[in-house]
Amino acid sequence: MPAKKKATPPPVADSFEEAADELEEITRRLEEEPSSLDQLLADFERGQALLSYCQNALRSARERLELVEADLPLDPDHEDPSPSYKPDSSDPDDDVRLF
């Protein structure tokens, strides 16, 4: 008998924008509408999954941008438009400022 394939879990969201919108809705609901403890926990868990998805999407986008920048030819006559800006990579949540 052939080995069973592990089922791949469905993605948390179809896109970063969809995940961010749902996260905003959950945040609004948690702030405005009192609910049962079970619903609060479910919303919290879903929010954590969405937040993780968004952080991973942003990390992936940053890595892709760095790869593109690394492949750009250096032009000695062209100045860097933002030479003084260097992101501080000490806090991985710096890009996640959704709210």
PDB file of N, CA and C in Angstrom:
ATOM      1  N   MET A   1       0.843  -1.173   0.000  1.00  0.00           N
ATOM      2  CA  MET A   1       0.000   0.000   0.000  1.00  0.00           C
ATOM      3  C   MET A   1       0.889   1.236   0.000  1.00  0.00           C
ATOM      4  N   PRO A   2       0.612   2.223  -0.889  1.00  0.00           N
ATOM      5  CA  PRO A   2       1.458   3.423  -0.939  1.00  0.00           C
ATOM      6  C   PRO A   2       1.282   4.276   0.306  1.00  0.00           C
ATOM      7  N   ALA A   3       2.364   4.992   0.628  1.00  0.00           N
ATOM      8  CA  ALA A   3       2.328   5.860   1.801  1.00  0.00           C
ATOM      9  C   ALA A   3       1.355   7.008   1.563  1.00  0.00           C
ATOM     10  N   LYS A   4       0.682   7.411   2.625  1.00  0.00           N
ATOM     11  CA  LYS A   4      -0.259   8.523   2.527  1.00  0.00           C
ATOM     12  C   LYS A   4       0.508   9.836   2.484  1.00  0.00           C
ATOM     13  N   LYS A   5       0.041  10.728   1.628  1.00  0.00           N
ATOM     14  CA  LYS A   5       0.639  12.055   1.560  1.00  0.00           C
ATOM     15  C   LYS A   5       0.043  12.900   2.669  1.00  0.00           C
ATOM     16  N   LYS A   6       0.881  13.723   3.273  1.00  0.00           N
ATOM     17  CA  LYS A   6       0.388  14.652   4.278  1.00  0.00           C
ATOM     18  C   LYS A   6      -0.417  15.736   3.578  1.00  0.00           C
ATOM     19  N   ALA A   7      -1.560  16.037   4.125  1.00  0.00           N
ATOM     20  CA  ALA A   7      -2.385  17.094   3.559  1.00  0.00           C
ATOM     21  C   ALA A   7      -1.749  18.445   3.861  1.00  0.00           C
ATOM     22  N   THR A   8      -1.656  19.269   2.838  1.00  0.00           N
ATOM     23  CA  THR A   8      -1.122  20.609   3.019  1.00  0.00           C
ATOM     24  C   THR A   8      -2.235  21.491   3.555  1.00  0.00           C
ATOM     25  N   PRO A   9      -1.976  22.165   4.673  1.00  0.00           N
ATOM     26  CA  PRO A   9      -3.030  23.020   5.206  1.00  0.00           C
ATOM     27  C   PRO A   9      -3.327  24.168   4.248  1.00  0.00           C
ATOM     28  N   PRO A  10      -4.573  24.602   4.198  1.00  0.00           N
ATOM     29  CA  PRO A  10      -4.890  25.711   3.304  1.00  0.00           C
ATOM     30  C   PRO A  10      -4.189  26.977   3.767  1.00  0.00           C
ATOM     31  N   PRO A  11      -3.896  27.878   2.837  1.00  0.00           N
ATOM     32  CA  PRO A  11      -3.233  29.122   3.238  1.00  0.00           C
ATOM     33  C   PRO A  11      -4.137  29.934   4.163  1.00  0.00           C
ATOM     34  N   VAL A  12      -3.518  30.711   5.007  1.00  0.00           N
ATOM     35  CA  VAL A  12      -4.262  31.541   5.956  1.00  0.00           C
ATOM     36  C   VAL A  12      -5.089  32.567   5.197  1.00  0.00           C
ATOM     37  N   ALA A  13      -4.545  33.101   4.123  1.00  0.00           N
ATOM     38  CA  ALA A  13      -5.227  34.101   3.301  1.00  0.00           C
ATOM     39  C   ALA A  13      -4.725  33.986   1.874  1.00  0.00           C
ATOM     40  N   ASP A  14      -5.486  34.558   0.943  1.00  0.00           N
ATOM     41  CA  ASP A  14      -5.071  34.525  -0.460  1.00  0.00           C
ATOM     42  C   ASP A  14      -4.059  35.605  -0.794  1.00  0.00           C
ATOM     43  N   SER A  15      -4.035  36.682   0.005  1.00  0.00           N
ATOM     44  CA  SER A  15      -3.104  37.770  -0.268  1.00  0.00           C
ATOM     45  C   SER A  15      -2.819  38.539   1.014  1.00  0.00           C
ATOM     46  N   PHE A  16      -1.754  39.335   0.966  1.00  0.00           N
ATOM     47  CA  PHE A  16      -1.398  40.181   2.096  1.00  0.00           C
ATOM     48  C   PHE A  16      -2.538  41.142   2.400  1.00  0.00           C
ATOM     49  N   GLU A  17      -3.100  41.732   1.350  1.00  0.00           N
ATOM     50  CA  GLU A  17      -4.166  42.716   1.534  1.00  0.00           C
ATOM     51  C   GLU A  17      -5.399  42.088   2.182  1.00  0.00           C
ATOM     52  N   GLU A  18      -5.747  40.886   1.749  1.00  0.00           N
ATOM     53  CA  GLU A  18      -6.887  40.189   2.337  1.00  0.00           C
ATOM     54  C   GLU A  18      -6.630  39.901   3.816  1.00  0.00           C
ATOM     55  N   ALA A  19      -5.433  39.454   4.130  1.00  0.00           N
ATOM     56  CA  ALA A  19      -5.087  39.161   5.526  1.00  0.00           C
ATOM     57  C   ALA A  19      -5.123  40.426   6.376  1.00  0.00           C
ATOM     58  N   ALA A  20      -4.590  41.528   5.839  1.00  0.00           N
ATOM     59  CA  ALA A  20      -4.586  42.792   6.582  1.00  0.00           C
ATOM     60  C   ALA A  20      -6.009  43.291   6.810  1.00  0.00           C
ATOM     61  N   ASP A  21      -6.862  43.172   5.799  1.00  0.00           N
ATOM     62  CA  ASP A  21      -8.258  43.594   5.950  1.00  0.00           C
ATOM     63  C   ASP A  21      -8.971  42.768   7.018  1.00  0.00           C
ATOM     64  N   GLU A  22      -8.764  41.459   6.985  1.00  0.00           N
ATOM     65  CA  GLU A  22      -9.412  40.603   7.985  1.00  0.00           C
ATOM     66  C   GLU A  22      -8.872  40.895   9.384  1.00  0.00           C
ATOM     67  N   LEU A  23      -7.588  41.158   9.474  1.00  0.00           N
ATOM     68  CA  LEU A  23      -6.988  41.493  10.763  1.00  0.00           C
ATOM     69  C   LEU A  23      -7.579  42.797  11.304  1.00  0.00           C
ATOM     70  N   GLU A  24      -7.790  43.767  10.432  1.00  0.00           N
ATOM     71  CA  GLU A  24      -8.436  45.016  10.849  1.00  0.00           C
ATOM     72  C   GLU A  24      -9.855  44.758  11.347  1.00  0.00           C
ATOM     73  N   GLU A  25     -10.589  43.901  10.649  1.00  0.00           N
ATOM     74  CA  GLU A  25     -11.962  43.577  11.048  1.00  0.00           C
ATOM     75  C   GLU A  25     -11.982  42.887  12.411  1.00  0.00           C
ATOM     76  N   ILE A  26     -11.080  41.957  12.622  1.00  0.00           N
ATOM     77  CA  ILE A  26     -11.003  41.268  13.920  1.00  0.00           C
ATOM     78  C   ILE A  26     -10.669  42.267  15.018  1.00  0.00           C
ATOM     79  N   THR A  27      -9.728  43.157  14.744  1.00  0.00           N
ATOM     80  CA  THR A  27      -9.345  44.164  15.733  1.00  0.00           C
ATOM     81  C   THR A  27     -10.532  45.057  16.078  1.00  0.00           C
ATOM     82  N   ARG A  28     -11.257  45.495  15.054  1.00  0.00           N
ATOM     83  CA  ARG A  28     -12.438  46.329  15.286  1.00  0.00           C
ATOM     84  C   ARG A  28     -13.480  45.579  16.126  1.00  0.00           C
ATOM     85  N   ARG A  29     -13.711  44.329  15.767  1.00  0.00           N
ATOM     86  CA  ARG A  29     -14.697  43.517  16.487  1.00  0.00           C
ATOM     87  C   ARG A  29     -14.284  43.324  17.950  1.00  0.00           C
ATOM     88  N   LEU A  30     -13.015  43.075  18.186  1.00  0.00           N
ATOM     89  CA  LEU A  30     -12.542  42.881  19.562  1.00  0.00           C
ATOM     90  C   LEU A  30     -12.659  44.167  20.377  1.00  0.00           C
ATOM     91  N   GLU A  31     -12.490  45.314  19.726  1.00  0.00           N
ATOM     92  CA  GLU A  31     -12.574  46.596  20.427  1.00  0.00           C
ATOM     93  C   GLU A  31     -14.019  47.019  20.693  1.00  0.00           C
ATOM     94  N   GLU A  32     -14.926  46.701  19.765  1.00  0.00           N
ATOM     95  CA  GLU A  32     -16.273  47.253  19.830  1.00  0.00           C
ATOM     96  C   GLU A  32     -17.358  46.295  20.290  1.00  0.00           C
ATOM     97  N   GLU A  33     -17.259  45.043  19.971  1.00  0.00           N
ATOM     98  CA  GLU A  33     -18.357  44.128  20.226  1.00  0.00           C
ATOM     99  C   GLU A  33     -17.976  43.085  21.274  1.00  0.00           C
ATOM    100  N   PRO A  34     -18.518  43.223  22.466  1.00  0.00           N
ATOM    101  CA  PRO A  34     -18.273  42.171  23.451  1.00  0.00           C
ATOM    102  C   PRO A  34     -18.815  40.837  22.926  1.00  0.00           C
ATOM    103  N   SER A  35     -18.127  39.795  23.216  1.00  0.00           N
ATOM    104  CA  SER A  35     -18.515  38.492  22.704  1.00  0.00           C
ATOM    105  C   SER A  35     -18.261  37.434  23.761  1.00  0.00           C
ATOM    106  N   SER A  36     -18.572  36.216  23.408  1.00  0.00           N
ATOM    107  CA  SER A  36     -18.317  35.120  24.338  1.00  0.00           C
ATOM    108  C   SER A  36     -16.817  34.858  24.426  1.00  0.00           C
ATOM    109  N   LEU A  37     -16.430  34.190  25.486  1.00  0.00           N
ATOM    110  CA  LEU A  37     -15.021  33.857  25.670  1.00  0.00           C
ATOM    111  C   LEU A  37     -14.526  32.986  24.521  1.00  0.00           C
ATOM    112  N   ASP A  38     -15.341  32.031  24.090  1.00  0.00           N
ATOM    113  CA  ASP A  38     -14.936  31.162  22.983  1.00  0.00           C
ATOM    114  C   ASP A  38     -14.691  31.961  21.708  1.00  0.00           C
ATOM    115  N   GLN A  39     -15.564  32.936  21.416  1.00  0.00           N
ATOM    116  CA  GLN A  39     -15.387  33.755  20.216  1.00  0.00           C
ATOM    117  C   GLN A  39     -14.162  34.650  20.344  1.00  0.00           C
ATOM    118  N   LEU A  40     -13.939  35.201  21.542  1.00  0.00           N
ATOM    119  CA  LEU A  40     -12.751  36.026  21.768  1.00  0.00           C
ATOM    120  C   LEU A  40     -11.484  35.219  21.520  1.00  0.00           C
ATOM    121  N   LEU A  41     -11.444  33.996  22.022  1.00  0.00           N
ATOM    122  CA  LEU A  41     -10.267  33.143  21.823  1.00  0.00           C
ATOM    123  C   LEU A  41     -10.085  32.782  20.352  1.00  0.00           C
ATOM    124  N   ALA A  42     -11.193  32.472  19.672  1.00  0.00           N
ATOM    125  CA  ALA A  42     -11.116  32.136  18.247  1.00  0.00           C
ATOM    126  C   ALA A  42     -10.602  33.334  17.448  1.00  0.00           C
ATOM    127  N   ASP A  43     -11.120  34.536  17.763  1.00  0.00           N
ATOM    128  CA  ASP A  43     -10.646  35.739  17.072  1.00  0.00           C
ATOM    129  C   ASP A  43      -9.175  35.994  17.356  1.00  0.00           C
ATOM    130  N   PHE A  44      -8.768  35.794  18.596  1.00  0.00           N
ATOM    131  CA  PHE A  44      -7.361  36.001  18.949  1.00  0.00           C
ATOM    132  C   PHE A  44      -6.463  35.037  18.174  1.00  0.00           C
ATOM    133  N   GLU A  45      -6.840  33.763  18.128  1.00  0.00           N
ATOM    134  CA  GLU A  45      -6.050  32.764  17.410  1.00  0.00           C
ATOM    135  C   GLU A  45      -5.985  33.082  15.918  1.00  0.00           C
ATOM    136  N   ARG A  46      -7.125  33.474  15.343  1.00  0.00           N
ATOM    137  CA  ARG A  46      -7.150  33.824  13.922  1.00  0.00           C
ATOM    138  C   ARG A  46      -6.276  35.057  13.677  1.00  0.00           C
ATOM    139  N   GLY A  47      -6.355  36.024  14.573  1.00  0.00           N
ATOM    140  CA  GLY A  47      -5.534  37.220  14.456  1.00  0.00           C
ATOM    141  C   GLY A  47      -4.051  36.895  14.499  1.00  0.00           C
ATOM    142  N   GLN A  48      -3.667  35.975  15.365  1.00  0.00           N
ATOM    143  CA  GLN A  48      -2.264  35.570  15.444  1.00  0.00           C
ATOM    144  C   GLN A  48      -1.804  34.920  14.141  1.00  0.00           C
ATOM    145  N   ALA A  49      -2.652  34.077  13.565  1.00  0.00           N
ATOM    146  CA  ALA A  49      -2.311  33.421  12.302  1.00  0.00           C
ATOM    147  C   ALA A  49      -2.184  34.450  11.179  1.00  0.00           C
ATOM    148  N   LEU A  50      -3.109  35.412  11.142  1.00  0.00           N
ATOM    149  CA  LEU A  50      -3.052  36.455  10.118  1.00  0.00           C
ATOM    150  C   LEU A  50      -1.820  37.339  10.284  1.00  0.00           C
ATOM    151  N   LEU A  51      -1.512  37.682  11.525  1.00  0.00           N
ATOM    152  CA  LEU A  51      -0.334  38.504  11.791  1.00  0.00           C
ATOM    153  C   LEU A  51       0.935  37.790  11.338  1.00  0.00           C
ATOM    154  N   SER A  52       1.036  36.517  11.636  1.00  0.00           N
ATOM    155  CA  SER A  52       2.199  35.729  11.210  1.00  0.00           C
ATOM    156  C   SER A  52       2.284  35.689   9.684  1.00  0.00           C
ATOM    157  N   TYR A  53       1.147  35.503   9.026  1.00  0.00           N
ATOM    158  CA  TYR A  53       1.099  35.486   7.563  1.00  0.00           C
ATOM    159  C   TYR A  53       1.609  36.821   7.006  1.00  0.00           C
ATOM    160  N   CYS A  54       1.126  37.932   7.565  1.00  0.00           N
ATOM    161  CA  CYS A  54       1.539  39.261   7.101  1.00  0.00           C
ATOM    162  C   CYS A  54       3.029  39.487   7.331  1.00  0.00           C
ATOM    163  N   GLN A  55       3.530  39.093   8.491  1.00  0.00           N
ATOM    164  CA  GLN A  55       4.958  39.258   8.772  1.00  0.00           C
ATOM    165  C   GLN A  55       5.798  38.452   7.787  1.00  0.00           C
ATOM    166  N   ASN A  56       5.374  37.229   7.497  1.00  0.00           N
ATOM    167  CA  ASN A  56       6.111  36.409   6.534  1.00  0.00           C
ATOM    168  C   ASN A  56       6.051  36.999   5.140  1.00  0.00           C
ATOM    169  N   ALA A  57       4.896  37.545   4.755  1.00  0.00           N
ATOM    170  CA  ALA A  57       4.767  38.170   3.436  1.00  0.00           C
ATOM    171  C   ALA A  57       5.682  39.382   3.333  1.00  0.00           C
ATOM    172  N   LEU A  58       5.736  40.200   4.390  1.00  0.00           N
ATOM    173  CA  LEU A  58       6.616  41.364   4.384  1.00  0.00           C
ATOM    174  C   LEU A  58       8.084  40.956   4.358  1.00  0.00           C
ATOM    175  N   ARG A  59       8.435  39.918   5.100  1.00  0.00           N
ATOM    176  CA  ARG A  59       9.815  39.433   5.109  1.00  0.00           C
ATOM    177  C   ARG A  59      10.207  38.938   3.713  1.00  0.00           C
ATOM    178  N   SER A  60       9.306  38.207   3.078  1.00  0.00           N
ATOM    179  CA  SER A  60       9.571  37.704   1.738  1.00  0.00           C
ATOM    180  C   SER A  60       9.717  38.852   0.739  1.00  0.00           C
ATOM    181  N   ALA A  61       8.854  39.853   0.857  1.00  0.00           N
ATOM    182  CA  ALA A  61       8.945  41.011  -0.042  1.00  0.00           C
ATOM    183  C   ALA A  61      10.265  41.741   0.153  1.00  0.00           C
ATOM    184  N   ARG A  62      10.682  41.906   1.419  1.00  0.00           N
ATOM    185  CA  ARG A  62      11.951  42.583   1.693  1.00  0.00           C
ATOM    186  C   ARG A  62      13.109  41.804   1.078  1.00  0.00           C
ATOM    187  N   GLU A  63      13.098  40.473   1.212  1.00  0.00           N
ATOM    188  CA  GLU A  63      14.164  39.653   0.640  1.00  0.00           C
ATOM    189  C   GLU A  63      14.194  39.773  -0.881  1.00  0.00           C
ATOM    190  N   ARG A  64      13.017  39.785  -1.510  1.00  0.00           N
ATOM    191  CA  ARG A  64      12.951  39.926  -2.966  1.00  0.00           C
ATOM    192  C   ARG A  64      13.494  41.280  -3.404  1.00  0.00           C
ATOM    193  N   LEU A  65      13.140  42.335  -2.670  1.00  0.00           N
ATOM    194  CA  LEU A  65      13.649  43.667  -3.002  1.00  0.00           C
ATOM    195  C   LEU A  65      15.166  43.728  -2.854  1.00  0.00           C
ATOM    196  N   GLU A  66      15.684  43.098  -1.822  1.00  0.00           N
ATOM    197  CA  GLU A  66      17.136  43.081  -1.628  1.00  0.00           C
ATOM    198  C   GLU A  66      17.833  42.354  -2.774  1.00  0.00           C
ATOM    199  N   LEU A  67      17.215  41.280  -3.262  1.00  0.00           N
ATOM    200  CA  LEU A  67      17.784  40.557  -4.400  1.00  0.00           C
ATOM    201  C   LEU A  67      17.772  41.418  -5.650  1.00  0.00           C
ATOM    202  N   VAL A  68      16.685  42.144  -5.860  1.00  0.00           N
ATOM    203  CA  VAL A  68      16.605  43.020  -7.029  1.00  0.00           C
ATOM    204  C   VAL A  68      17.648  44.120  -6.929  1.00  0.00           C
ATOM    205  N   GLU A  69      17.763  44.726  -5.755  1.00  0.00           N
ATOM    206  CA  GLU A  69      18.756  45.779  -5.560  1.00  0.00           C
ATOM    207  C   GLU A  69      20.171  45.250  -5.765  1.00  0.00           C
ATOM    208  N   ALA A  70      20.435  44.038  -5.326  1.00  0.00           N
ATOM    209  CA  ALA A  70      21.773  43.461  -5.460  1.00  0.00           C
ATOM    210  C   ALA A  70      22.122  43.227  -6.925  1.00  0.00           C
ATOM    211  N   ASP A  71      21.113  42.989  -7.763  1.00  0.00           N
ATOM    212  CA  ASP A  71      21.350  42.735  -9.181  1.00  0.00           C
ATOM    213  C   ASP A  71      21.442  44.002 -10.008  1.00  0.00           C
ATOM    214  N   LEU A  72      21.114  45.161  -9.428  1.00  0.00           N
ATOM    215  CA  LEU A  72      21.180  46.409 -10.174  1.00  0.00           C
ATOM    216  C   LEU A  72      22.637  46.784 -10.420  1.00  0.00           C
ATOM    217  N   PRO A  73      22.949  47.214 -11.641  1.00  0.00           N
ATOM    218  CA  PRO A  73      24.330  47.641 -11.910  1.00  0.00           C
ATOM    219  C   PRO A  73      24.618  48.945 -11.172  1.00  0.00           C
ATOM    220  N   LEU A  74      25.816  49.060 -10.689  1.00  0.00           N
ATOM    221  CA  LEU A  74      26.217  50.278  -9.994  1.00  0.00           C
ATOM    222  C   LEU A  74      26.545  51.351 -11.017  1.00  0.00           C
ATOM    223  N   ASP A  75      25.945  52.517 -10.857  1.00  0.00           N
ATOM    224  CA  ASP A  75      26.181  53.660 -11.731  1.00  0.00           C
ATOM    225  C   ASP A  75      26.914  54.714 -10.914  1.00  0.00           C
ATOM    226  N   PRO A  76      28.187  54.955 -11.180  1.00  0.00           N
ATOM    227  CA  PRO A  76      28.947  55.888 -10.346  1.00  0.00           C
ATOM    228  C   PRO A  76      28.430  57.322 -10.433  1.00  0.00           C
ATOM    229  N   ASP A  77      27.716  57.682 -11.498  1.00  0.00           N
ATOM    230  CA  ASP A  77      27.190  59.037 -11.642  1.00  0.00           C
ATOM    231  C   ASP A  77      25.841  59.209 -10.960  1.00  0.00           C
ATOM    232  N   HIS A  78      25.253  58.114 -10.502  1.00  0.00           N
ATOM    233  CA  HIS A  78      23.924  58.166  -9.889  1.00  0.00           C
ATOM    234  C   HIS A  78      24.061  58.119  -8.372  1.00  0.00           C
ATOM    235  N   GLU A  79      23.482  59.121  -7.722  1.00  0.00           N
ATOM    236  CA  GLU A  79      23.532  59.138  -6.257  1.00  0.00           C
ATOM    237  C   GLU A  79      22.410  58.286  -5.686  1.00  0.00           C
ATOM    238  N   ASP A  80      22.670  57.698  -4.562  1.00  0.00           N
ATOM    239  CA  ASP A  80      21.652  56.937  -3.842  1.00  0.00           C
ATOM    240  C   ASP A  80      20.611  57.932  -3.335  1.00  0.00           C
ATOM    241  N   PRO A  81      19.319  57.737  -3.668  1.00  0.00           N
ATOM    242  CA  PRO A  81      18.309  58.707  -3.257  1.00  0.00           C
ATOM    243  C   PRO A  81      18.101  58.799  -1.756  1.00  0.00           C
ATOM    244  N   SER A  82      18.504  57.800  -1.039  1.00  0.00           N
ATOM    245  CA  SER A  82      18.312  57.844   0.415  1.00  0.00           C
ATOM    246  C   SER A  82      19.539  57.317   1.138  1.00  0.00           C
ATOM    247  N   PRO A  83      20.686  57.991   1.008  1.00  0.00           N
ATOM    248  CA  PRO A  83      21.915  57.463   1.605  1.00  0.00           C
ATOM    249  C   PRO A  83      21.883  57.444   3.125  1.00  0.00           C
ATOM    250  N   SER A  84      21.081  58.305   3.737  1.00  0.00           N
ATOM    251  CA  SER A  84      21.083  58.355   5.199  1.00  0.00           C
ATOM    252  C   SER A  84      20.113  57.357   5.820  1.00  0.00           C
ATOM    253  N   TYR A  85      19.216  56.773   5.014  1.00  0.00           N
ATOM    254  CA  TYR A  85      18.241  55.846   5.576  1.00  0.00           C
ATOM    255  C   TYR A  85      18.795  54.433   5.593  1.00  0.00           C
ATOM    256  N   LYS A  86      18.935  53.911   6.762  1.00  0.00           N
ATOM    257  CA  LYS A  86      19.344  52.527   6.952  1.00  0.00           C
ATOM    258  C   LYS A  86      18.392  51.909   7.963  1.00  0.00           C
ATOM    259  N   PRO A  87      17.518  50.963   7.535  1.00  0.00           N
ATOM    260  CA  PRO A  87      16.575  50.394   8.493  1.00  0.00           C
ATOM    261  C   PRO A  87      17.294  49.657   9.603  1.00  0.00           C
ATOM    262  N   ASP A  88      16.785  49.829  10.796  1.00  0.00           N
ATOM    263  CA  ASP A  88      17.328  49.133  11.953  1.00  0.00           C
ATOM    264  C   ASP A  88      16.713  47.745  11.991  1.00  0.00           C
ATOM    265  N   SER A  89      17.504  46.733  11.754  1.00  0.00           N
ATOM    266  CA  SER A  89      16.979  45.376  11.686  1.00  0.00           C
ATOM    267  C   SER A  89      16.889  44.719  13.056  1.00  0.00           C
ATOM    268  N   SER A  90      17.029  45.508  14.117  1.00  0.00           N
ATOM    269  CA  SER A  90      16.987  44.911  15.444  1.00  0.00           C
ATOM    270  C   SER A  90      15.578  44.508  15.856  1.00  0.00           C
ATOM    271  N   ASP A  91      14.551  45.134  15.270  1.00  0.00           N
ATOM    272  CA  ASP A  91      13.173  44.809  15.626  1.00  0.00           C
ATOM    273  C   ASP A  91      12.473  44.261  14.391  1.00  0.00           C
ATOM    274  N   PRO A  92      12.162  42.963  14.356  1.00  0.00           N
ATOM    275  CA  PRO A  92      11.539  42.370  13.170  1.00  0.00           C
ATOM    276  C   PRO A  92      10.117  42.860  12.928  1.00  0.00           C
ATOM    277  N   ASP A  93       9.501  43.539  13.899  1.00  0.00           N
ATOM    278  CA  ASP A  93       8.141  44.009  13.737  1.00  0.00           C
ATOM    279  C   ASP A  93       8.078  45.430  13.203  1.00  0.00           C
ATOM    280  N   ASP A  94       9.225  46.025  12.851  1.00  0.00           N
ATOM    281  CA  ASP A  94       9.240  47.398  12.392  1.00  0.00           C
ATOM    282  C   ASP A  94       8.352  47.607  11.173  1.00  0.00           C
ATOM    283  N   ASP A  95       8.292  46.624  10.239  1.00  0.00           N
ATOM    284  CA  ASP A  95       7.503  46.802   9.029  1.00  0.00           C
ATOM    285  C   ASP A  95       6.018  46.636   9.294  1.00  0.00           C
ATOM    286  N   VAL A  96       5.654  46.004  10.382  1.00  0.00           N
ATOM    287  CA  VAL A  96       4.250  45.697  10.627  1.00  0.00           C
ATOM    288  C   VAL A  96       3.649  46.817  11.468  1.00  0.00           C
ATOM    289  N   ARG A  97       3.252  47.845  10.780  1.00  0.00           N
ATOM    290  CA  ARG A  97       2.585  48.981  11.411  1.00  0.00           C
ATOM    291  C   ARG A  97       1.231  49.131  10.729  1.00  0.00           C
ATOM    292  N   LEU A  98       0.361  48.148  10.909  1.00  0.00           N
ATOM    293  CA  LEU A  98      -0.919  48.135  10.221  1.00  0.00           C
ATOM    294  C   LEU A  98      -1.963  48.972  10.922  1.00  0.00           C
ATOM    295  N   PHE A  99      -1.781  49.206  12.216  1.00  0.00           N
ATOM    296  CA  PHE A  99      -2.846  49.871  12.971  1.00  0.00           C
ATOM    297  C   PHE A  99      -2.326  51.062  13.712  1.00  0.00           C
TER     298      PHE A  99
END
